[in-house]
Amino acid sequence: MDRMLQRGKVKGSGLVPVVASAVAVAVWGIGVLHVAGLLHGAPFDPLHLTLSDYVGLPGGYLVLGIAAGALALAATVLAVAAARAGASRVVVALLASWAVAMVVAGIFPTNPPGTPPDVVAAVHRYAGVWLFTVLPIAVVLLARSPAVAAAARRSLTLQSLAAGVASAGFLACHVIGTDPSGAPTFPLLGGVERLLYLSLLVLLLTTARALARSAAAPAVVVGGPAVPSGLPGAALTGAALTGSALTGSALTGPAAPAPLPVPPRTPLPHPTPAFTGSPS
């Protein structure tokens, strides 16, 4: 049992640093692109252009690819952790598909601003729609599963809903109207997208923390299989508490053997002393 608890603590303690490092790499890439865009000139307005539009900067494709690869790694680690924690196959598949979509979006860039979209840009945009839609849904389903401790479900659900609202707002900006190049005409599209990215990055970190807490929870073994204490298992309320494991010899020890019967003691007859003298 001690070895099992130790393994759970190692898994839980390593999950958050890996995801946090991946998010830090993505933030680094975004920062580099913004600095390069400001130095490049006025066409790169962070409130109007999306992050994908920075692919036109020198080295922009490489930086965006590194950031996308880091986030794909974070989602892959979360999918593996969710599977080990007992999440449903739907949740694991959604997290894994989010990682694949991030790789696709990094490999296939969008069209430069002011140019008509091509097939590559269309692939990038469809991958982006999947990215903005799937992660909030996956985390909401994960928060409702036994893979997440009850104490973390509320905050995880609220952050998922917030990210979902931001995703819906960003996608709605594309419905309002587009220019001849296919780009949305909403004036603050870049600002809305950055808020959405921020909510997704926070959601990745929160999900990693929730899964780590569940993995590090001590396991309770009572007359049956080990169940983490954060999970609502039946091992604490079923036969494990009421069965013979606790009410029989497990608590009182083996029954003492019955004493052997002792036969009654029969008094021995006293011999009559022999007469040795002469008669008087």
C-alpha atoms as a PDB file:
ATOM      1  CA  MET A   1       0.000   0.000   0.000  1.00  0.00           C
ATOM      2  CA  ASP A   2       2.792   2.416   0.830  1.00  0.00           C
ATOM      3  CA  ARG A   3       4.387   1.703  -2.535  1.00  0.00           C
ATOM      4  CA  MET A   4       1.078   2.394  -4.283  1.00  0.00           C
ATOM      5  CA  LEU A   5       0.677   5.716  -2.484  1.00  0.00           C
ATOM      6  CA  GLN A   6       4.210   6.673  -3.401  1.00  0.00           C
ATOM      7  CA  ARG A   7       3.561   5.983  -7.088  1.00  0.00           C
ATOM      8  CA  GLY A   8       0.403   8.092  -6.968  1.00  0.00           C
ATOM      9  CA  LYS A   9       2.287  11.009  -5.437  1.00  0.00           C
ATOM     10  CA  VAL A  10       4.990  10.827  -8.097  1.00  0.00           C
ATOM     11  CA  LYS A  11       2.452  10.847 -10.916  1.00  0.00           C
ATOM     12  CA  GLY A  12       0.498  13.690  -9.377  1.00  0.00           C
ATOM     13  CA  SER A  13       3.554  15.774  -8.565  1.00  0.00           C
ATOM     14  CA  GLY A  14       4.970  15.407 -12.087  1.00  0.00           C
ATOM     15  CA  LEU A  15       1.805  16.254 -14.001  1.00  0.00           C
ATOM     16  CA  VAL A  16       1.530  19.917 -13.071  1.00  0.00           C
ATOM     17  CA  PRO A  17       5.190  20.831 -13.824  1.00  0.00           C
ATOM     18  CA  VAL A  18       4.995  19.219 -17.283  1.00  0.00           C
ATOM     19  CA  VAL A  19       1.794  21.037 -18.231  1.00  0.00           C
ATOM     20  CA  ALA A  20       3.019  24.298 -16.698  1.00  0.00           C
ATOM     21  CA  SER A  21       6.272  24.072 -18.650  1.00  0.00           C
ATOM     22  CA  ALA A  22       4.377  23.493 -21.893  1.00  0.00           C
ATOM     23  CA  VAL A  23       2.118  26.464 -21.199  1.00  0.00           C
ATOM     24  CA  ALA A  24       5.187  28.584 -20.398  1.00  0.00           C
ATOM     25  CA  VAL A  25       6.715  27.691 -23.780  1.00  0.00           C
ATOM     26  CA  ALA A  26       3.480  28.715 -25.517  1.00  0.00           C
ATOM     27  CA  VAL A  27       3.394  32.019 -23.612  1.00  0.00           C
ATOM     28  CA  TRP A  28       7.025  32.597 -24.567  1.00  0.00           C
ATOM     29  CA  GLY A  29       6.156  32.082 -28.237  1.00  0.00           C
ATOM     30  CA  ILE A  30       3.224  34.486 -28.041  1.00  0.00           C
ATOM     31  CA  GLY A  31       5.407  37.087 -26.370  1.00  0.00           C
ATOM     32  CA  VAL A  32       8.120  36.746 -29.000  1.00  0.00           C
ATOM     33  CA  LEU A  33       5.583  37.200 -31.778  1.00  0.00           C
ATOM     34  CA  HIS A  34       4.120  40.308 -30.189  1.00  0.00           C
ATOM     35  CA  VAL A  35       7.516  41.912 -29.716  1.00  0.00           C
ATOM     36  CA  ALA A  36       8.454  41.096 -33.291  1.00  0.00           C
ATOM     37  CA  GLY A  37       5.129  42.466 -34.515  1.00  0.00           C
ATOM     38  CA  LEU A  38       5.596  45.740 -32.663  1.00  0.00           C
ATOM     39  CA  LEU A  39       9.102  46.111 -34.072  1.00  0.00           C
ATOM     40  CA  HIS A  40       7.927  45.236 -37.553  1.00  0.00           C
ATOM     41  CA  GLY A  41       5.411  48.044 -37.848  1.00  0.00           C
ATOM     42  CA  ALA A  42       1.783  49.061 -37.811  1.00  0.00           C
ATOM     43  CA  PRO A  43       0.262  46.206 -39.909  1.00  0.00           C
ATOM     44  CA  PHE A  44       0.551  43.816 -36.951  1.00  0.00           C
ATOM     45  CA  ASP A  45      -2.089  45.209 -34.608  1.00  0.00           C
ATOM     46  CA  PRO A  46      -2.656  42.811 -31.692  1.00  0.00           C
ATOM     47  CA  LEU A  47      -6.258  43.996 -31.263  1.00  0.00           C
ATOM     48  CA  HIS A  48      -7.147  43.312 -34.890  1.00  0.00           C
ATOM     49  CA  LEU A  49      -4.972  40.414 -36.049  1.00  0.00           C
ATOM     50  CA  THR A  50      -5.145  36.920 -34.621  1.00  0.00           C
ATOM     51  CA  LEU A  51      -2.095  35.033 -33.420  1.00  0.00           C
ATOM     52  CA  SER A  52      -2.139  32.889 -36.535  1.00  0.00           C
ATOM     53  CA  ASP A  53      -1.700  36.017 -38.676  1.00  0.00           C
ATOM     54  CA  TYR A  54       1.772  36.468 -37.165  1.00  0.00           C
ATOM     55  CA  VAL A  55       2.963  33.621 -39.356  1.00  0.00           C
ATOM     56  CA  GLY A  56       3.941  36.298 -41.894  1.00  0.00           C
ATOM     57  CA  LEU A  57       6.686  37.603 -39.609  1.00  0.00           C
ATOM     58  CA  PRO A  58      10.262  36.370 -40.113  1.00  0.00           C
ATOM     59  CA  GLY A  59      10.473  33.172 -38.098  1.00  0.00           C
ATOM     60  CA  GLY A  60       6.769  33.355 -37.281  1.00  0.00           C
ATOM     61  CA  TYR A  61       6.018  29.895 -38.644  1.00  0.00           C
ATOM     62  CA  LEU A  62       8.729  28.324 -36.475  1.00  0.00           C
ATOM     63  CA  VAL A  63       7.665  30.131 -33.305  1.00  0.00           C
ATOM     64  CA  LEU A  64       4.007  29.259 -33.834  1.00  0.00           C
ATOM     65  CA  GLY A  65       4.982  25.650 -34.488  1.00  0.00           C
ATOM     66  CA  ILE A  66       6.951  25.452 -31.242  1.00  0.00           C
ATOM     67  CA  ALA A  67       4.061  26.923 -29.256  1.00  0.00           C
ATOM     68  CA  ALA A  68       1.584  24.562 -30.900  1.00  0.00           C
ATOM     69  CA  GLY A  69       3.808  21.554 -30.225  1.00  0.00           C
ATOM     70  CA  ALA A  70       4.150  22.491 -26.563  1.00  0.00           C
ATOM     71  CA  LEU A  71       0.382  22.764 -26.101  1.00  0.00           C
ATOM     72  CA  ALA A  72      -0.125  19.474 -27.943  1.00  0.00           C
ATOM     73  CA  LEU A  73       2.278  17.851 -25.485  1.00  0.00           C
ATOM     74  CA  ALA A  74       0.309  19.291 -22.559  1.00  0.00           C
ATOM     75  CA  ALA A  75      -2.959  17.913 -23.917  1.00  0.00           C
ATOM     76  CA  THR A  76      -1.383  14.503 -24.526  1.00  0.00           C
ATOM     77  CA  VAL A  77      -0.123  14.340 -20.943  1.00  0.00           C
ATOM     78  CA  LEU A  78      -3.572  15.317 -19.671  1.00  0.00           C
ATOM     79  CA  ALA A  79      -5.211  12.621 -21.809  1.00  0.00           C
ATOM     80  CA  VAL A  80      -2.900   9.957 -20.372  1.00  0.00           C
ATOM     81  CA  ALA A  81      -3.460  11.205 -16.820  1.00  0.00           C
ATOM     82  CA  ALA A  82      -7.228  11.270 -17.325  1.00  0.00           C
ATOM     83  CA  ALA A  83      -7.181   7.712 -18.640  1.00  0.00           C
ATOM     84  CA  ARG A  84      -5.190   6.518 -15.613  1.00  0.00           C
ATOM     85  CA  ALA A  85      -7.565   8.335 -13.281  1.00  0.00           C
ATOM     86  CA  GLY A  86     -10.540   6.454 -14.696  1.00  0.00           C
ATOM     87  CA  ALA A  87     -12.041   9.056 -17.043  1.00  0.00           C
ATOM     88  CA  SER A  88     -14.354   7.893 -19.795  1.00  0.00           C
ATOM     89  CA  ARG A  89     -13.090   7.075 -23.255  1.00  0.00           C
ATOM     90  CA  VAL A  90     -14.958  10.086 -24.629  1.00  0.00           C
ATOM     91  CA  VAL A  91     -12.990  12.470 -22.424  1.00  0.00           C
ATOM     92  CA  VAL A  92      -9.677  10.819 -23.281  1.00  0.00           C
ATOM     93  CA  ALA A  93     -10.503  10.869 -27.000  1.00  0.00           C
ATOM     94  CA  LEU A  94     -11.470  14.548 -26.908  1.00  0.00           C
ATOM     95  CA  LEU A  95      -8.250  15.536 -25.152  1.00  0.00           C
ATOM     96  CA  ALA A  96      -6.205  13.464 -27.591  1.00  0.00           C
ATOM     97  CA  SER A  97      -8.035  14.981 -30.565  1.00  0.00           C
ATOM     98  CA  TRP A  98      -7.306  18.457 -29.185  1.00  0.00           C
ATOM     99  CA  ALA A  99      -3.602  17.614 -29.227  1.00  0.00           C
ATOM    100  CA  VAL A 100      -3.837  16.358 -32.806  1.00  0.00           C
ATOM    101  CA  ALA A 101      -5.726  19.473 -33.898  1.00  0.00           C
ATOM    102  CA  MET A 102      -3.047  21.659 -32.314  1.00  0.00           C
ATOM    103  CA  VAL A 103      -0.362  19.864 -34.315  1.00  0.00           C
ATOM    104  CA  VAL A 104      -2.408  20.268 -37.511  1.00  0.00           C
ATOM    105  CA  ALA A 105      -2.904  23.974 -36.853  1.00  0.00           C
ATOM    106  CA  GLY A 106       0.839  24.370 -36.340  1.00  0.00           C
ATOM    107  CA  ILE A 107       1.793  22.512 -39.499  1.00  0.00           C
ATOM    108  CA  PHE A 108      -0.784  24.130 -41.783  1.00  0.00           C
ATOM    109  CA  PRO A 109      -0.560  27.934 -41.431  1.00  0.00           C
ATOM    110  CA  THR A 110      -3.251  30.438 -42.269  1.00  0.00           C
ATOM    111  CA  ASN A 111      -3.048  32.775 -45.221  1.00  0.00           C
ATOM    112  CA  PRO A 112      -1.210  36.084 -44.776  1.00  0.00           C
ATOM    113  CA  PRO A 113      -3.487  39.052 -44.019  1.00  0.00           C
ATOM    114  CA  GLY A 114      -5.049  40.544 -47.132  1.00  0.00           C
ATOM    115  CA  THR A 115      -4.601  37.445 -49.296  1.00  0.00           C
ATOM    116  CA  PRO A 116      -7.347  34.982 -50.324  1.00  0.00           C
ATOM    117  CA  PRO A 117      -7.422  31.723 -48.335  1.00  0.00           C
ATOM    118  CA  ASP A 118      -6.228  28.495 -49.920  1.00  0.00           C
ATOM    119  CA  VAL A 119      -6.648  24.853 -48.972  1.00  0.00           C
ATOM    120  CA  VAL A 120      -3.875  25.019 -46.371  1.00  0.00           C
ATOM    121  CA  ALA A 121      -5.520  28.019 -44.718  1.00  0.00           C
ATOM    122  CA  ALA A 122      -8.875  26.196 -44.722  1.00  0.00           C
ATOM    123  CA  VAL A 123      -7.305  23.230 -42.918  1.00  0.00           C
ATOM    124  CA  HIS A 124      -5.835  25.634 -40.360  1.00  0.00           C
ATOM    125  CA  ARG A 125      -9.204  27.271 -39.742  1.00  0.00           C
ATOM    126  CA  TYR A 126     -11.091  24.010 -39.310  1.00  0.00           C
ATOM    127  CA  ALA A 127      -8.437  22.823 -36.880  1.00  0.00           C
ATOM    128  CA  GLY A 128      -8.839  26.112 -35.007  1.00  0.00           C
ATOM    129  CA  VAL A 129     -12.589  25.635 -34.700  1.00  0.00           C
ATOM    130  CA  TRP A 130     -11.974  22.184 -33.215  1.00  0.00           C
ATOM    131  CA  LEU A 131      -9.432  23.628 -30.765  1.00  0.00           C
ATOM    132  CA  PHE A 132     -11.743  26.351 -29.504  1.00  0.00           C
ATOM    133  CA  THR A 133     -14.737  24.019 -29.174  1.00  0.00           C
ATOM    134  CA  VAL A 134     -13.443  20.700 -27.858  1.00  0.00           C
ATOM    135  CA  LEU A 135     -11.326  21.604 -24.823  1.00  0.00           C
ATOM    136  CA  PRO A 136     -14.127  23.224 -22.760  1.00  0.00           C
ATOM    137  CA  ILE A 137     -16.433  20.289 -23.546  1.00  0.00           C
ATOM    138  CA  ALA A 138     -13.790  17.719 -22.618  1.00  0.00           C
ATOM    139  CA  VAL A 139     -13.014  19.384 -19.290  1.00  0.00           C
ATOM    140  CA  VAL A 140     -16.693  19.743 -18.382  1.00  0.00           C
ATOM    141  CA  LEU A 141     -17.173  16.016 -18.938  1.00  0.00           C
ATOM    142  CA  LEU A 142     -13.992  15.303 -16.994  1.00  0.00           C
ATOM    143  CA  ALA A 143     -15.175  17.412 -14.058  1.00  0.00           C
ATOM    144  CA  ARG A 144     -18.364  15.330 -13.861  1.00  0.00           C
ATOM    145  CA  SER A 145     -16.476  12.034 -13.742  1.00  0.00           C
ATOM    146  CA  PRO A 146     -14.983  10.184 -10.745  1.00  0.00           C
ATOM    147  CA  ALA A 147     -11.510  10.950 -12.136  1.00  0.00           C
ATOM    148  CA  VAL A 148     -11.651  14.362 -10.445  1.00  0.00           C
ATOM    149  CA  ALA A 149     -11.984  14.805  -6.705  1.00  0.00           C
ATOM    150  CA  ALA A 150     -15.262  16.277  -5.542  1.00  0.00           C
ATOM    151  CA  ALA A 151     -13.534  19.334  -4.075  1.00  0.00           C
ATOM    152  CA  ALA A 152     -12.181  20.379  -7.488  1.00  0.00           C
ATOM    153  CA  ARG A 153     -15.250  19.754  -9.629  1.00  0.00           C
ATOM    154  CA  ARG A 154     -17.013  23.061  -9.087  1.00  0.00           C
ATOM    155  CA  SER A 155     -14.072  25.314  -9.948  1.00  0.00           C
ATOM    156  CA  LEU A 156     -13.138  23.148 -12.930  1.00  0.00           C
ATOM    157  CA  THR A 157     -16.683  23.282 -14.255  1.00  0.00           C
ATOM    158  CA  LEU A 158     -16.918  27.056 -13.861  1.00  0.00           C
ATOM    159  CA  GLN A 159     -13.645  27.639 -15.697  1.00  0.00           C
ATOM    160  CA  SER A 160     -14.735  25.290 -18.468  1.00  0.00           C
ATOM    161  CA  LEU A 161     -17.971  27.229 -18.884  1.00  0.00           C
ATOM    162  CA  ALA A 162     -16.044  30.520 -18.975  1.00  0.00           C
ATOM    163  CA  ALA A 163     -13.763  29.158 -21.693  1.00  0.00           C
ATOM    164  CA  GLY A 164     -16.816  27.904 -23.574  1.00  0.00           C
ATOM    165  CA  VAL A 165     -18.401  31.358 -23.494  1.00  0.00           C
ATOM    166  CA  ALA A 166     -15.170  32.905 -24.784  1.00  0.00           C
ATOM    167  CA  SER A 167     -15.025  30.300 -27.558  1.00  0.00           C
ATOM    168  CA  ALA A 168     -18.627  31.000 -28.552  1.00  0.00           C
ATOM    169  CA  GLY A 169     -17.895  34.744 -28.647  1.00  0.00           C
ATOM    170  CA  PHE A 170     -14.842  34.280 -30.836  1.00  0.00           C
ATOM    171  CA  LEU A 171     -16.667  32.005 -33.257  1.00  0.00           C
ATOM    172  CA  ALA A 172     -19.588  34.460 -33.366  1.00  0.00           C
ATOM    173  CA  CYS A 173     -17.196  37.152 -34.589  1.00  0.00           C
ATOM    174  CA  HIS A 174     -16.699  35.084 -37.738  1.00  0.00           C
ATOM    175  CA  VAL A 175     -20.432  35.034 -38.396  1.00  0.00           C
ATOM    176  CA  ILE A 176     -20.851  38.801 -38.220  1.00  0.00           C
ATOM    177  CA  GLY A 177     -19.078  39.349 -41.519  1.00  0.00           C
ATOM    178  CA  THR A 178     -15.911  38.678 -43.523  1.00  0.00           C
ATOM    179  CA  ASP A 179     -13.815  40.613 -46.008  1.00  0.00           C
ATOM    180  CA  PRO A 180     -12.890  39.373 -49.513  1.00  0.00           C
ATOM    181  CA  SER A 181      -9.966  37.398 -48.056  1.00  0.00           C
ATOM    182  CA  GLY A 182     -12.298  35.487 -45.756  1.00  0.00           C
ATOM    183  CA  ALA A 183     -11.107  37.232 -42.589  1.00  0.00           C
ATOM    184  CA  PRO A 184     -13.730  38.453 -40.097  1.00  0.00           C
ATOM    185  CA  THR A 185     -14.487  42.164 -40.160  1.00  0.00           C
ATOM    186  CA  PHE A 186     -14.997  42.417 -36.400  1.00  0.00           C
ATOM    187  CA  PRO A 187     -12.596  45.215 -35.356  1.00  0.00           C
ATOM    188  CA  LEU A 188     -11.422  43.675 -32.063  1.00  0.00           C
ATOM    189  CA  LEU A 189     -11.079  40.089 -33.237  1.00  0.00           C
ATOM    190  CA  GLY A 190      -7.467  39.841 -32.075  1.00  0.00           C
ATOM    191  CA  GLY A 191      -8.321  41.022 -28.585  1.00  0.00           C
ATOM    192  CA  VAL A 192     -11.183  38.511 -28.286  1.00  0.00           C
ATOM    193  CA  GLU A 193      -8.915  35.704 -29.454  1.00  0.00           C
ATOM    194  CA  ARG A 194      -6.251  36.564 -26.898  1.00  0.00           C
ATOM    195  CA  LEU A 195      -8.808  36.433 -24.104  1.00  0.00           C
ATOM    196  CA  LEU A 196      -9.877  33.052 -25.417  1.00  0.00           C
ATOM    197  CA  TYR A 197      -6.303  31.767 -25.495  1.00  0.00           C
ATOM    198  CA  LEU A 198      -5.782  32.988 -21.945  1.00  0.00           C
ATOM    199  CA  SER A 199      -8.858  31.099 -20.752  1.00  0.00           C
ATOM    200  CA  LEU A 200      -7.698  27.924 -22.511  1.00  0.00           C
ATOM    201  CA  LEU A 201      -4.218  28.123 -21.006  1.00  0.00           C
ATOM    202  CA  VAL A 202      -5.668  28.606 -17.533  1.00  0.00           C
ATOM    203  CA  LEU A 203      -8.011  25.692 -18.172  1.00  0.00           C
ATOM    204  CA  LEU A 204      -5.089  23.420 -19.045  1.00  0.00           C
ATOM    205  CA  LEU A 205      -3.335  24.322 -15.805  1.00  0.00           C
ATOM    206  CA  THR A 206      -6.471  23.903 -13.719  1.00  0.00           C
ATOM    207  CA  THR A 207      -7.173  20.508 -15.270  1.00  0.00           C
ATOM    208  CA  ALA A 208      -3.640  19.350 -14.550  1.00  0.00           C
ATOM    209  CA  ARG A 209      -3.926  20.461 -10.942  1.00  0.00           C
ATOM    210  CA  ALA A 210      -7.280  18.702 -10.478  1.00  0.00           C
ATOM    211  CA  LEU A 211      -5.966  15.431 -11.911  1.00  0.00           C
ATOM    212  CA  ALA A 212      -2.813  15.697  -9.819  1.00  0.00           C
ATOM    213  CA  ARG A 213      -4.838  16.105  -6.636  1.00  0.00           C
ATOM    214  CA  SER A 214      -6.879  13.026  -7.489  1.00  0.00           C
ATOM    215  CA  ALA A 215      -3.767  10.992  -8.279  1.00  0.00           C
ATOM    216  CA  ALA A 216      -2.062  12.013  -5.038  1.00  0.00           C
ATOM    217  CA  ALA A 217      -5.095  11.263  -2.857  1.00  0.00           C
ATOM    218  CA  PRO A 218      -4.351   8.423  -0.406  1.00  0.00           C
ATOM    219  CA  ALA A 219      -5.994   5.128  -1.175  1.00  0.00           C
ATOM    220  CA  VAL A 220      -8.300   3.544   1.378  1.00  0.00           C
ATOM    221  CA  VAL A 221      -8.197  -0.248   1.560  1.00  0.00           C
ATOM    222  CA  VAL A 222     -10.993  -1.748   3.658  1.00  0.00           C
ATOM    223  CA  GLY A 223     -11.691  -5.392   2.943  1.00  0.00           C
ATOM    224  CA  GLY A 224     -11.516  -4.891  -0.837  1.00  0.00           C
ATOM    225  CA  PRO A 225      -9.682  -3.145  -3.679  1.00  0.00           C
ATOM    226  CA  ALA A 226      -7.890   0.128  -3.067  1.00  0.00           C
ATOM    227  CA  VAL A 227     -10.033   3.194  -3.733  1.00  0.00           C
ATOM    228  CA  PRO A 228      -8.587   6.768  -3.682  1.00  0.00           C
ATOM    229  CA  SER A 229     -10.112   8.719  -0.859  1.00  0.00           C
ATOM    230  CA  GLY A 230     -11.210  11.499  -3.197  1.00  0.00           C
ATOM    231  CA  LEU A 231     -13.404   9.112  -5.213  1.00  0.00           C
ATOM    232  CA  PRO A 232     -16.924   8.153  -4.185  1.00  0.00           C
ATOM    233  CA  GLY A 233     -16.189   4.428  -4.206  1.00  0.00           C
ATOM    234  CA  ALA A 234     -18.441   1.834  -2.758  1.00  0.00           C
ATOM    235  CA  ALA A 235     -15.653   0.221  -0.757  1.00  0.00           C
ATOM    236  CA  LEU A 236     -16.555   2.393   2.236  1.00  0.00           C
ATOM    237  CA  THR A 237     -20.281   1.735   2.228  1.00  0.00           C
ATOM    238  CA  GLY A 238     -20.754  -1.774   0.856  1.00  0.00           C
ATOM    239  CA  ALA A 239     -19.845  -5.188   1.982  1.00  0.00           C
ATOM    240  CA  ALA A 240     -16.303  -4.090   2.765  1.00  0.00           C
ATOM    241  CA  LEU A 241     -17.585  -2.470   5.962  1.00  0.00           C
ATOM    242  CA  THR A 242     -20.373  -4.873   6.827  1.00  0.00           C
ATOM    243  CA  GLY A 243     -18.943  -8.186   5.703  1.00  0.00           C
ATOM    244  CA  SER A 244     -17.097 -10.752   7.649  1.00  0.00           C
ATOM    245  CA  ALA A 245     -13.820  -8.963   6.925  1.00  0.00           C
ATOM    246  CA  LEU A 246     -14.548  -6.586   9.802  1.00  0.00           C
ATOM    247  CA  THR A 247     -17.010  -8.530  11.936  1.00  0.00           C
ATOM    248  CA  GLY A 248     -15.419 -11.937  12.016  1.00  0.00           C
ATOM    249  CA  SER A 249     -12.018 -13.245  12.812  1.00  0.00           C
ATOM    250  CA  ALA A 250     -10.350 -10.248  11.144  1.00  0.00           C
ATOM    251  CA  LEU A 251     -11.119  -8.166  14.232  1.00  0.00           C
ATOM    252  CA  THR A 252     -11.145 -10.712  17.062  1.00  0.00           C
ATOM    253  CA  GLY A 253      -8.434 -13.052  15.858  1.00  0.00           C
ATOM    254  CA  PRO A 254      -8.711 -16.832  15.572  1.00  0.00           C
ATOM    255  CA  ALA A 255     -10.947 -18.551  18.100  1.00  0.00           C
ATOM    256  CA  ALA A 256      -9.127 -20.201  20.996  1.00  0.00           C
ATOM    257  CA  PRO A 257      -9.289 -24.038  20.994  1.00  0.00           C
ATOM    258  CA  ALA A 258     -11.761 -25.603  23.393  1.00  0.00           C
ATOM    259  CA  PRO A 259     -10.159 -27.001  26.598  1.00  0.00           C
ATOM    260  CA  LEU A 260      -9.719 -30.715  26.771  1.00  0.00           C
ATOM    261  CA  PRO A 261     -12.085 -32.478  29.192  1.00  0.00           C
ATOM    262  CA  VAL A 262     -10.440 -33.432  32.481  1.00  0.00           C
ATOM    263  CA  PRO A 263     -11.555 -36.819  33.862  1.00  0.00           C
ATOM    264  CA  PRO A 264     -12.796 -36.834  37.459  1.00  0.00           C
ATOM    265  CA  ARG A 265     -10.238 -37.807  40.008  1.00  0.00           C
ATOM    266  CA  THR A 266     -11.044 -41.174  41.716  1.00  0.00           C
ATOM    267  CA  PRO A 267      -9.721 -41.487  45.290  1.00  0.00           C
ATOM    268  CA  LEU A 268      -7.318 -44.349  45.712  1.00  0.00           C
ATOM    269  CA  PRO A 269      -8.211 -47.010  48.403  1.00  0.00           C
ATOM    270  CA  HIS A 270      -6.101 -46.873  51.529  1.00  0.00           C
ATOM    271  CA  PRO A 271      -4.538 -50.275  52.340  1.00  0.00           C
ATOM    272  CA  THR A 272      -5.247 -51.851  55.758  1.00  0.00           C
ATOM    273  CA  PRO A 273      -2.038 -52.110  57.746  1.00  0.00           C
ATOM    274  CA  ALA A 274      -0.898 -55.668  58.425  1.00  0.00           C
ATOM    275  CA  PHE A 275      -1.040 -57.000  62.040  1.00  0.00           C
ATOM    276  CA  THR A 276       2.433 -57.913  63.124  1.00  0.00           C
ATOM    277  CA  GLY A 277       2.160 -58.256  66.929  1.00  0.00           C
ATOM    278  CA  SER A 278       1.229 -61.335  69.057  1.00  0.00           C
ATOM    279  CA  PRO A 279      -2.174 -61.638  70.671  1.00  0.00           C
ATOM    280  CA  SER A 280      -2.322 -60.681  74.265  1.00  0.00           C
END
